[in-house]
């Protein structure tokens, strides 16, 4: 089994008692790394989290799978760190997908409107499949796309098809694979 330092040189030089990060390469997915998170991400350790993942991205891993099965809490500051990381990988042609997200962590993503920017998958296998086939998106994928909420007219950024709650009026909207938007 590979150690974190064999995947990203010097990764384990910094530690935080509240967040354990373990790295695994994903076979068959180019420039990919699974990041297993154990603990929580809040105001006090979000800079550590961001710094460690910046090392991962700097080592050439742009497709990141975060296994959140043992992640018990994420604050709004932690979500901000995830957003910064998403921007970093997107400019390099990569993506972020989260798997096994606990209900109270998923609620934070939903309540703050971040679920529309991140791909959340129930299992790690689904997340790996998503990353494996994400390279096939040159076949006419319309996402990310800027849309207008049919209820209130607010602009909504969608990274994928699915059901979301408008951050402005709280209406439930559905976005089709073709990028069409509907109420409900």
N, C-alpha and C. Protein backbone atom coordinates (compact mmCIF):
# COMPACT_ATOMS: atom_id res chain seq x y z
N UNK A 1 0.84 -1.19 0.00
CA UNK A 1 0.00 0.00 0.00
C UNK A 1 0.88 1.25 0.00
N UNK A 2 0.52 2.18 -0.84
CA UNK A 2 1.31 3.40 -0.96
C UNK A 2 1.06 4.33 0.22
N UNK A 3 2.10 5.06 0.59
CA UNK A 3 1.94 6.06 1.65
C UNK A 3 1.61 7.40 1.00
N UNK A 4 1.08 8.31 1.81
CA UNK A 4 0.78 9.65 1.29
C UNK A 4 2.02 10.29 0.67
N UNK A 5 3.18 10.14 1.33
CA UNK A 5 4.41 10.77 0.83
C UNK A 5 4.88 10.16 -0.49
N UNK A 6 4.54 8.90 -0.76
CA UNK A 6 4.94 8.31 -2.04
C UNK A 6 4.05 8.83 -3.18
N UNK A 7 2.85 9.30 -2.85
CA UNK A 7 1.94 9.86 -3.86
C UNK A 7 2.22 11.34 -4.06
N UNK A 8 2.38 12.08 -2.96
CA UNK A 8 2.70 13.50 -3.00
C UNK A 8 3.87 13.72 -2.04
N UNK A 9 5.00 14.06 -2.58
CA UNK A 9 6.21 14.23 -1.78
C UNK A 9 6.02 15.26 -0.66
N UNK A 10 6.34 14.88 0.58
CA UNK A 10 6.25 15.78 1.72
C UNK A 10 4.84 16.00 2.25
N UNK A 11 3.87 15.21 1.78
CA UNK A 11 2.48 15.42 2.18
C UNK A 11 2.30 15.28 3.69
N UNK A 12 2.92 14.27 4.29
CA UNK A 12 2.71 14.02 5.71
C UNK A 12 3.60 14.87 6.63
N UNK A 13 4.30 15.84 6.06
CA UNK A 13 5.11 16.73 6.90
C UNK A 13 4.25 17.59 7.81
N UNK A 14 3.04 17.90 7.39
CA UNK A 14 2.11 18.71 8.19
C UNK A 14 0.96 17.81 8.65
N UNK A 15 0.53 18.00 9.88
CA UNK A 15 -0.57 17.20 10.45
C UNK A 15 -1.55 18.13 11.16
N UNK A 16 -2.78 17.63 11.32
CA UNK A 16 -3.79 18.32 12.11
C UNK A 16 -4.56 17.24 12.86
N UNK A 17 -4.73 17.42 14.16
CA UNK A 17 -5.40 16.41 14.98
C UNK A 17 -6.88 16.25 14.66
N UNK A 18 -7.50 17.27 14.08
CA UNK A 18 -8.94 17.22 13.83
C UNK A 18 -9.31 16.70 12.43
N UNK A 19 -8.30 16.54 11.55
CA UNK A 19 -8.58 16.09 10.19
C UNK A 19 -7.45 15.19 9.70
N UNK A 20 -7.79 13.95 9.44
CA UNK A 20 -6.82 13.00 8.88
C UNK A 20 -7.12 12.87 7.39
N UNK A 21 -6.08 13.01 6.56
CA UNK A 21 -6.21 12.92 5.11
C UNK A 21 -5.34 11.77 4.62
N UNK A 22 -5.96 10.84 3.89
CA UNK A 22 -5.24 9.71 3.31
C UNK A 22 -5.44 9.74 1.80
N UNK A 23 -4.34 9.53 1.07
CA UNK A 23 -4.37 9.60 -0.39
C UNK A 23 -4.26 8.21 -1.01
N UNK A 24 -4.97 7.99 -2.11
CA UNK A 24 -4.90 6.75 -2.89
C UNK A 24 -4.99 7.11 -4.36
N UNK A 25 -4.10 6.54 -5.18
CA UNK A 25 -4.24 6.73 -6.63
C UNK A 25 -5.44 5.92 -7.10
N UNK A 26 -6.11 6.40 -8.15
CA UNK A 26 -7.25 5.70 -8.73
C UNK A 26 -6.79 5.09 -10.05
N UNK A 27 -6.68 3.76 -10.09
CA UNK A 27 -6.24 3.11 -11.33
C UNK A 27 -7.23 3.36 -12.47
N UNK A 28 -6.69 3.62 -13.65
CA UNK A 28 -7.53 3.77 -14.83
C UNK A 28 -8.14 5.15 -15.01
N UNK A 29 -7.85 6.08 -14.10
CA UNK A 29 -8.37 7.44 -14.25
C UNK A 29 -7.17 8.39 -14.23
N UNK A 30 -6.94 9.03 -15.35
CA UNK A 30 -5.78 9.89 -15.51
C UNK A 30 -5.79 11.07 -14.54
N UNK A 31 -4.63 11.39 -13.99
CA UNK A 31 -4.45 12.53 -13.08
C UNK A 31 -5.43 12.51 -11.91
N UNK A 32 -5.70 11.32 -11.36
CA UNK A 32 -6.72 11.23 -10.32
C UNK A 32 -6.15 10.75 -8.99
N UNK A 33 -6.83 11.17 -7.94
CA UNK A 33 -6.44 10.79 -6.59
C UNK A 33 -7.70 10.75 -5.72
N UNK A 34 -7.82 9.66 -4.93
CA UNK A 34 -8.90 9.61 -3.95
C UNK A 34 -8.35 10.16 -2.65
N UNK A 35 -9.10 11.08 -2.05
CA UNK A 35 -8.73 11.74 -0.81
C UNK A 35 -9.74 11.30 0.25
N UNK A 36 -9.28 10.49 1.19
CA UNK A 36 -10.16 10.00 2.25
C UNK A 36 -10.04 10.99 3.42
N UNK A 37 -11.19 11.56 3.81
CA UNK A 37 -11.23 12.56 4.88
C UNK A 37 -11.83 11.93 6.13
N UNK A 38 -11.16 12.13 7.27
CA UNK A 38 -11.64 11.60 8.54
C UNK A 38 -11.55 12.70 9.59
N UNK A 39 -12.68 13.07 10.16
CA UNK A 39 -12.72 14.15 11.16
C UNK A 39 -13.70 15.21 10.72
N UNK A 40 -13.26 16.46 10.76
CA UNK A 40 -14.13 17.57 10.38
C UNK A 40 -13.31 18.69 9.77
N UNK A 41 -13.99 19.57 9.02
CA UNK A 41 -13.35 20.74 8.43
C UNK A 41 -14.12 21.96 8.90
N UNK A 42 -13.43 22.85 9.60
CA UNK A 42 -14.08 24.06 10.12
C UNK A 42 -13.15 25.26 9.94
N UNK A 43 -13.50 26.35 10.57
CA UNK A 43 -12.73 27.59 10.46
C UNK A 43 -11.28 27.41 10.88
N UNK A 44 -11.04 26.55 11.87
CA UNK A 44 -9.70 26.41 12.44
C UNK A 44 -8.78 25.52 11.62
N UNK A 45 -9.31 24.56 10.89
CA UNK A 45 -8.42 23.68 10.13
C UNK A 45 -8.62 23.76 8.61
N UNK A 46 -9.48 24.65 8.14
CA UNK A 46 -9.73 24.73 6.70
C UNK A 46 -8.49 25.19 5.93
N UNK A 47 -7.66 26.02 6.53
CA UNK A 47 -6.44 26.43 5.83
C UNK A 47 -5.47 25.26 5.70
N UNK A 48 -5.41 24.38 6.73
CA UNK A 48 -4.60 23.16 6.64
C UNK A 48 -5.12 22.28 5.51
N UNK A 49 -6.44 22.07 5.47
CA UNK A 49 -7.07 21.26 4.43
C UNK A 49 -6.73 21.81 3.04
N UNK A 50 -6.92 23.10 2.87
CA UNK A 50 -6.67 23.73 1.57
C UNK A 50 -5.20 23.62 1.19
N UNK A 51 -4.31 23.84 2.14
CA UNK A 51 -2.86 23.76 1.88
C UNK A 51 -2.46 22.35 1.45
N UNK A 52 -3.00 21.34 2.13
CA UNK A 52 -2.66 19.95 1.80
C UNK A 52 -3.17 19.58 0.41
N UNK A 53 -4.38 20.01 0.08
CA UNK A 53 -4.93 19.66 -1.23
C UNK A 53 -4.29 20.48 -2.34
N UNK A 54 -3.78 21.64 -2.04
CA UNK A 54 -3.01 22.40 -3.02
C UNK A 54 -1.75 21.64 -3.39
N UNK A 55 -1.15 20.94 -2.42
CA UNK A 55 0.01 20.08 -2.70
C UNK A 55 -0.38 18.95 -3.66
N UNK A 56 -1.55 18.37 -3.44
CA UNK A 56 -2.03 17.27 -4.29
C UNK A 56 -2.22 17.77 -5.72
N UNK A 57 -2.87 18.91 -5.87
CA UNK A 57 -3.10 19.48 -7.20
C UNK A 57 -1.77 19.85 -7.85
N UNK A 58 -0.86 20.41 -7.06
CA UNK A 58 0.47 20.76 -7.56
C UNK A 58 1.27 19.56 -8.02
N UNK A 59 0.96 18.38 -7.48
CA UNK A 59 1.64 17.15 -7.87
C UNK A 59 1.04 16.54 -9.15
N UNK A 60 0.03 17.21 -9.72
CA UNK A 60 -0.53 16.77 -10.99
C UNK A 60 -1.82 16.00 -10.91
N UNK A 61 -2.47 16.00 -9.75
CA UNK A 61 -3.75 15.32 -9.60
C UNK A 61 -4.87 16.34 -9.70
N UNK A 62 -5.60 16.32 -10.83
CA UNK A 62 -6.63 17.31 -11.10
C UNK A 62 -8.04 16.74 -10.98
N UNK A 63 -8.15 15.42 -10.98
CA UNK A 63 -9.43 14.74 -10.80
C UNK A 63 -9.44 14.16 -9.40
N UNK A 64 -10.18 14.82 -8.52
CA UNK A 64 -10.14 14.45 -7.11
C UNK A 64 -11.46 13.83 -6.67
N UNK A 65 -11.36 12.70 -6.00
CA UNK A 65 -12.51 12.03 -5.41
C UNK A 65 -12.34 12.15 -3.90
N UNK A 66 -13.25 12.84 -3.25
CA UNK A 66 -13.22 12.97 -1.80
C UNK A 66 -14.16 11.92 -1.21
N UNK A 67 -13.59 10.95 -0.50
CA UNK A 67 -14.41 9.98 0.22
C UNK A 67 -14.72 10.60 1.57
N UNK A 68 -15.99 10.94 1.78
CA UNK A 68 -16.41 11.68 2.97
C UNK A 68 -17.13 10.81 3.99
N UNK A 69 -16.99 9.50 3.90
CA UNK A 69 -17.67 8.59 4.80
C UNK A 69 -17.35 8.81 6.27
N UNK A 70 -16.14 9.27 6.55
CA UNK A 70 -15.72 9.51 7.93
C UNK A 70 -15.59 11.01 8.23
N UNK A 71 -16.16 11.84 7.36
CA UNK A 71 -16.14 13.29 7.58
C UNK A 71 -17.43 13.66 8.30
N UNK A 72 -17.31 14.09 9.54
CA UNK A 72 -18.50 14.30 10.38
C UNK A 72 -19.10 15.69 10.30
N UNK A 73 -18.32 16.68 9.83
CA UNK A 73 -18.82 18.06 9.82
C UNK A 73 -18.02 18.89 8.83
N UNK A 74 -18.69 19.82 8.14
CA UNK A 74 -18.04 20.82 7.30
C UNK A 74 -18.72 22.15 7.57
N UNK A 75 -17.94 23.16 7.94
CA UNK A 75 -18.50 24.50 8.16
C UNK A 75 -18.55 25.23 6.83
N UNK A 76 -19.14 26.41 6.85
CA UNK A 76 -19.19 27.23 5.64
C UNK A 76 -17.78 27.60 5.17
N UNK A 77 -16.85 27.77 6.09
CA UNK A 77 -15.46 28.05 5.73
C UNK A 77 -14.85 26.85 5.02
N UNK A 78 -15.19 25.65 5.50
CA UNK A 78 -14.73 24.44 4.84
C UNK A 78 -15.27 24.32 3.43
N UNK A 79 -16.54 24.69 3.25
CA UNK A 79 -17.13 24.68 1.91
C UNK A 79 -16.40 25.67 1.00
N UNK A 80 -16.00 26.79 1.58
CA UNK A 80 -15.23 27.76 0.82
C UNK A 80 -13.92 27.16 0.31
N UNK A 81 -13.29 26.34 1.15
CA UNK A 81 -12.06 25.66 0.73
C UNK A 81 -12.32 24.69 -0.41
N UNK A 82 -13.41 23.93 -0.32
CA UNK A 82 -13.78 23.02 -1.42
C UNK A 82 -13.98 23.81 -2.71
N UNK A 83 -14.61 24.98 -2.61
CA UNK A 83 -14.88 25.80 -3.79
C UNK A 83 -13.59 26.30 -4.42
N UNK A 84 -12.66 26.73 -3.59
CA UNK A 84 -11.35 27.18 -4.11
C UNK A 84 -10.65 26.04 -4.82
N UNK A 85 -10.70 24.84 -4.23
CA UNK A 85 -10.08 23.68 -4.85
C UNK A 85 -10.75 23.33 -6.18
N UNK A 86 -12.08 23.44 -6.22
CA UNK A 86 -12.81 23.17 -7.47
C UNK A 86 -12.35 24.11 -8.57
N UNK A 87 -12.21 25.39 -8.25
CA UNK A 87 -11.74 26.36 -9.24
C UNK A 87 -10.34 26.00 -9.72
N UNK A 88 -9.48 25.54 -8.79
CA UNK A 88 -8.10 25.18 -9.14
C UNK A 88 -8.05 24.01 -10.12
N UNK A 89 -8.89 22.99 -9.89
CA UNK A 89 -8.84 21.82 -10.77
C UNK A 89 -9.56 22.07 -12.10
N UNK A 90 -10.61 22.90 -12.08
CA UNK A 90 -11.36 23.18 -13.31
C UNK A 90 -10.48 23.85 -14.36
N UNK A 91 -9.61 24.79 -13.94
CA UNK A 91 -8.75 25.47 -14.90
C UNK A 91 -7.72 24.52 -15.51
N UNK A 92 -7.49 23.38 -14.86
CA UNK A 92 -6.56 22.38 -15.37
C UNK A 92 -7.30 21.25 -16.10
N UNK A 93 -8.61 21.43 -16.28
CA UNK A 93 -9.40 20.43 -16.98
C UNK A 93 -9.86 19.28 -16.10
N UNK A 94 -9.76 19.44 -14.78
CA UNK A 94 -10.14 18.38 -13.85
C UNK A 94 -11.50 18.60 -13.23
N UNK A 95 -11.81 17.78 -12.23
CA UNK A 95 -13.10 17.86 -11.56
C UNK A 95 -12.97 17.31 -10.14
N UNK A 96 -13.99 17.58 -9.36
CA UNK A 96 -14.08 17.07 -7.99
C UNK A 96 -15.41 16.33 -7.85
N UNK A 97 -15.36 15.16 -7.24
CA UNK A 97 -16.57 14.41 -6.93
C UNK A 97 -16.45 13.94 -5.48
N UNK A 98 -17.57 14.00 -4.75
CA UNK A 98 -17.59 13.58 -3.36
C UNK A 98 -18.44 12.32 -3.23
N UNK A 99 -17.98 11.37 -2.42
CA UNK A 99 -18.73 10.14 -2.24
C UNK A 99 -18.98 9.88 -0.75
N UNK A 100 -20.01 9.08 -0.50
CA UNK A 100 -20.35 8.63 0.85
C UNK A 100 -20.52 9.80 1.84
N UNK A 101 -21.09 10.89 1.36
CA UNK A 101 -21.26 12.09 2.16
C UNK A 101 -22.34 11.85 3.22
N UNK A 102 -21.98 12.06 4.49
CA UNK A 102 -22.93 11.86 5.58
C UNK A 102 -24.05 12.90 5.47
N UNK A 103 -25.23 12.53 5.98
CA UNK A 103 -26.43 13.35 5.81
C UNK A 103 -26.24 14.78 6.33
N UNK A 104 -25.65 14.95 7.51
CA UNK A 104 -25.52 16.31 8.04
C UNK A 104 -24.50 17.15 7.26
N UNK A 105 -23.53 16.50 6.64
CA UNK A 105 -22.58 17.22 5.78
C UNK A 105 -23.28 17.60 4.47
N UNK A 106 -24.05 16.67 3.90
CA UNK A 106 -24.79 16.94 2.66
C UNK A 106 -25.78 18.09 2.86
N UNK A 107 -26.38 18.17 4.06
CA UNK A 107 -27.32 19.25 4.36
C UNK A 107 -26.66 20.61 4.27
N UNK A 108 -25.41 20.70 4.75
CA UNK A 108 -24.67 21.98 4.69
C UNK A 108 -24.47 22.37 3.23
N UNK A 109 -24.10 21.39 2.39
CA UNK A 109 -23.94 21.67 0.95
C UNK A 109 -25.26 22.16 0.36
N UNK A 110 -26.36 21.49 0.72
CA UNK A 110 -27.68 21.85 0.19
C UNK A 110 -28.14 23.23 0.67
N UNK A 111 -28.09 23.45 1.97
CA UNK A 111 -28.60 24.69 2.57
C UNK A 111 -27.87 25.91 2.01
N UNK A 112 -26.56 25.78 1.84
CA UNK A 112 -25.77 26.92 1.36
C UNK A 112 -25.72 26.99 -0.17
N UNK A 113 -26.40 26.06 -0.85
CA UNK A 113 -26.49 26.11 -2.30
C UNK A 113 -25.28 25.56 -3.03
N UNK A 114 -24.39 24.86 -2.34
CA UNK A 114 -23.17 24.35 -2.96
C UNK A 114 -23.38 23.02 -3.68
N UNK A 115 -24.51 22.35 -3.43
CA UNK A 115 -24.74 21.05 -4.06
C UNK A 115 -24.86 21.19 -5.58
N UNK A 116 -25.17 22.38 -6.07
CA UNK A 116 -25.28 22.57 -7.52
C UNK A 116 -23.92 22.65 -8.19
N UNK A 117 -22.85 22.87 -7.42
CA UNK A 117 -21.51 22.99 -7.99
C UNK A 117 -20.69 21.71 -7.87
N UNK A 118 -21.08 20.84 -6.94
CA UNK A 118 -20.30 19.63 -6.68
C UNK A 118 -21.09 18.39 -7.05
N UNK A 119 -20.38 17.40 -7.54
CA UNK A 119 -20.98 16.11 -7.86
C UNK A 119 -20.89 15.24 -6.61
N UNK A 120 -22.05 14.91 -6.05
CA UNK A 120 -22.12 14.05 -4.88
C UNK A 120 -22.66 12.69 -5.31
N UNK A 121 -21.91 11.64 -5.00
CA UNK A 121 -22.30 10.27 -5.35
C UNK A 121 -22.44 9.46 -4.06
N UNK A 122 -23.38 8.51 -4.08
CA UNK A 122 -23.63 7.71 -2.88
C UNK A 122 -22.46 6.80 -2.54
N UNK A 123 -21.85 6.17 -3.55
CA UNK A 123 -20.76 5.23 -3.28
C UNK A 123 -19.47 5.70 -3.95
N UNK A 124 -18.37 5.17 -3.44
CA UNK A 124 -17.07 5.47 -4.03
C UNK A 124 -16.99 4.89 -5.44
N UNK A 125 -17.60 3.72 -5.64
CA UNK A 125 -17.59 3.09 -6.97
C UNK A 125 -18.29 4.00 -7.99
N UNK A 126 -19.44 4.59 -7.61
CA UNK A 126 -20.14 5.51 -8.52
C UNK A 126 -19.26 6.73 -8.83
N UNK A 127 -18.56 7.21 -7.81
CA UNK A 127 -17.69 8.38 -7.99
C UNK A 127 -16.53 8.07 -8.94
N UNK A 128 -15.95 6.88 -8.79
CA UNK A 128 -14.85 6.48 -9.68
C UNK A 128 -15.38 6.35 -11.11
N UNK A 129 -16.55 5.76 -11.28
CA UNK A 129 -17.15 5.64 -12.61
C UNK A 129 -17.41 7.01 -13.21
N UNK A 130 -17.88 7.95 -12.39
CA UNK A 130 -18.11 9.31 -12.87
C UNK A 130 -16.79 9.91 -13.40
N UNK A 131 -15.72 9.79 -12.62
CA UNK A 131 -14.43 10.34 -13.05
C UNK A 131 -13.91 9.59 -14.28
N UNK A 132 -14.11 8.30 -14.31
CA UNK A 132 -13.64 7.49 -15.43
C UNK A 132 -14.32 7.92 -16.74
N UNK A 133 -15.60 8.23 -16.68
CA UNK A 133 -16.34 8.61 -17.89
C UNK A 133 -16.43 10.11 -18.09
N UNK A 134 -15.95 10.89 -17.13
CA UNK A 134 -16.01 12.34 -17.27
C UNK A 134 -15.15 12.81 -18.44
N UNK A 135 -14.13 12.04 -18.77
CA UNK A 135 -13.32 12.39 -19.93
C UNK A 135 -14.07 12.26 -21.23
N UNK A 136 -15.21 11.55 -21.21
CA UNK A 136 -16.02 11.39 -22.41
C UNK A 136 -16.94 12.57 -22.64
N UNK A 137 -16.87 13.61 -21.83
CA UNK A 137 -17.85 14.69 -21.92
C UNK A 137 -17.69 15.56 -23.15
N UNK A 138 -16.69 15.31 -23.95
CA UNK A 138 -16.53 16.07 -25.19
C UNK A 138 -17.64 15.75 -26.18
N UNK A 139 -18.50 14.81 -25.81
CA UNK A 139 -19.59 14.40 -26.70
C UNK A 139 -20.80 15.31 -26.54
N UNK A 140 -20.59 16.59 -26.29
CA UNK A 140 -21.68 17.54 -26.29
C UNK A 140 -22.30 17.85 -24.93
N UNK A 141 -21.57 17.67 -23.85
CA UNK A 141 -22.10 18.00 -22.53
C UNK A 141 -22.30 19.52 -22.44
N UNK A 142 -23.43 19.95 -21.91
CA UNK A 142 -23.76 21.38 -21.85
C UNK A 142 -23.34 22.02 -20.53
N UNK A 143 -22.80 21.24 -19.61
CA UNK A 143 -22.47 21.77 -18.29
C UNK A 143 -21.00 22.10 -18.19
N UNK A 144 -20.62 23.06 -17.36
CA UNK A 144 -21.47 23.92 -16.54
C UNK A 144 -22.24 24.93 -17.39
N UNK A 145 -23.39 25.34 -16.87
CA UNK A 145 -24.26 26.24 -17.63
C UNK A 145 -24.92 27.24 -16.68
N UNK A 146 -25.04 28.48 -17.12
CA UNK A 146 -25.72 29.51 -16.36
C UNK A 146 -27.18 29.53 -16.84
N UNK A 147 -28.11 29.32 -15.89
CA UNK A 147 -29.54 29.25 -16.20
C UNK A 147 -30.29 30.29 -15.39
N UNK A 148 -31.57 30.46 -15.69
CA UNK A 148 -32.41 31.39 -14.95
C UNK A 148 -33.51 30.62 -14.24
N UNK A 149 -33.69 30.86 -12.94
CA UNK A 149 -34.74 30.21 -12.17
C UNK A 149 -36.09 30.62 -12.76
N UNK A 150 -36.95 29.66 -13.10
CA UNK A 150 -38.24 30.00 -13.69
C UNK A 150 -39.20 30.65 -12.69
N UNK A 151 -38.89 30.57 -11.42
CA UNK A 151 -39.77 31.14 -10.40
C UNK A 151 -39.44 32.60 -10.10
N UNK A 152 -38.15 32.88 -9.86
CA UNK A 152 -37.79 34.24 -9.44
C UNK A 152 -36.91 35.00 -10.43
N UNK A 153 -36.36 34.30 -11.43
CA UNK A 153 -35.52 34.97 -12.41
C UNK A 153 -34.06 35.10 -12.03
N UNK A 154 -33.67 34.58 -10.86
CA UNK A 154 -32.27 34.65 -10.43
C UNK A 154 -31.41 33.71 -11.28
N UNK A 155 -30.18 34.13 -11.56
CA UNK A 155 -29.25 33.28 -12.29
C UNK A 155 -28.82 32.12 -11.41
N UNK A 156 -28.77 30.93 -12.02
CA UNK A 156 -28.39 29.71 -11.31
C UNK A 156 -27.28 29.04 -12.11
N UNK A 157 -26.15 28.78 -11.47
CA UNK A 157 -25.05 28.07 -12.11
C UNK A 157 -25.23 26.59 -11.86
N UNK A 158 -25.28 25.78 -12.90
CA UNK A 158 -25.46 24.34 -12.76
C UNK A 158 -24.25 23.61 -13.32
N UNK A 159 -23.66 22.73 -12.53
CA UNK A 159 -22.51 21.95 -12.98
C UNK A 159 -22.93 20.62 -13.55
N UNK A 160 -24.21 20.24 -13.32
CA UNK A 160 -24.70 18.95 -13.79
C UNK A 160 -26.22 18.96 -13.79
N UNK A 161 -26.80 17.95 -14.38
CA UNK A 161 -28.25 17.78 -14.35
C UNK A 161 -28.67 17.30 -12.97
N UNK A 162 -29.93 17.56 -12.59
CA UNK A 162 -30.43 17.09 -11.31
C UNK A 162 -31.46 18.03 -10.72
N UNK A 163 -31.84 17.74 -9.47
CA UNK A 163 -32.81 18.58 -8.75
C UNK A 163 -32.05 19.44 -7.76
N UNK A 164 -32.43 20.73 -7.70
CA UNK A 164 -31.76 21.69 -6.83
C UNK A 164 -32.79 22.64 -6.23
N UNK A 165 -32.37 23.35 -5.21
CA UNK A 165 -33.19 24.38 -4.59
C UNK A 165 -32.57 25.72 -4.96
N UNK A 166 -33.38 26.61 -5.49
CA UNK A 166 -32.90 27.95 -5.84
C UNK A 166 -32.45 28.64 -4.56
N UNK A 167 -31.27 29.22 -4.58
CA UNK A 167 -30.73 29.88 -3.39
C UNK A 167 -31.48 31.16 -3.07
N UNK A 168 -32.21 31.72 -4.03
CA UNK A 168 -32.93 32.97 -3.82
C UNK A 168 -34.35 32.73 -3.30
N UNK A 169 -35.16 32.01 -4.07
CA UNK A 169 -36.58 31.86 -3.72
C UNK A 169 -36.90 30.50 -3.09
N UNK A 170 -35.91 29.60 -3.04
CA UNK A 170 -36.05 28.27 -2.43
C UNK A 170 -36.94 27.33 -3.23
N UNK A 171 -37.30 27.69 -4.44
CA UNK A 171 -38.10 26.81 -5.29
C UNK A 171 -37.25 25.61 -5.69
N UNK A 172 -37.88 24.45 -5.80
CA UNK A 172 -37.18 23.26 -6.27
C UNK A 172 -37.22 23.28 -7.79
N UNK A 173 -36.03 23.17 -8.39
CA UNK A 173 -35.94 23.19 -9.85
C UNK A 173 -35.24 21.92 -10.32
N UNK A 174 -35.60 21.48 -11.50
CA UNK A 174 -35.00 20.30 -12.12
C UNK A 174 -34.30 20.75 -13.38
N UNK A 175 -33.05 20.29 -13.54
CA UNK A 175 -32.27 20.63 -14.72
C UNK A 175 -32.02 19.35 -15.49
N UNK A 176 -32.44 19.30 -16.75
CA UNK A 176 -32.30 18.10 -17.57
C UNK A 176 -30.86 17.96 -18.08
N UNK A 177 -30.56 16.80 -18.63
CA UNK A 177 -29.23 16.53 -19.23
C UNK A 177 -28.93 17.49 -20.36
N UNK A 178 -29.98 18.02 -21.01
CA UNK A 178 -29.81 18.96 -22.11
C UNK A 178 -29.68 20.41 -21.63
N UNK A 179 -29.82 20.62 -20.30
CA UNK A 179 -29.69 21.96 -19.75
C UNK A 179 -31.00 22.71 -19.63
N UNK A 180 -32.13 22.04 -19.89
CA UNK A 180 -33.44 22.67 -19.73
C UNK A 180 -33.78 22.72 -18.23
N UNK A 181 -34.50 23.76 -17.82
CA UNK A 181 -34.80 23.96 -16.42
C UNK A 181 -36.32 24.00 -16.21
N UNK A 182 -36.80 23.30 -15.18
CA UNK A 182 -38.23 23.21 -14.88
C UNK A 182 -38.44 23.37 -13.40
N UNK A 183 -39.62 23.83 -13.00
CA UNK A 183 -40.01 23.86 -11.59
C UNK A 183 -40.36 22.44 -11.16
N UNK A 184 -39.97 22.10 -9.92
CA UNK A 184 -40.35 20.80 -9.35
C UNK A 184 -39.41 19.70 -9.57
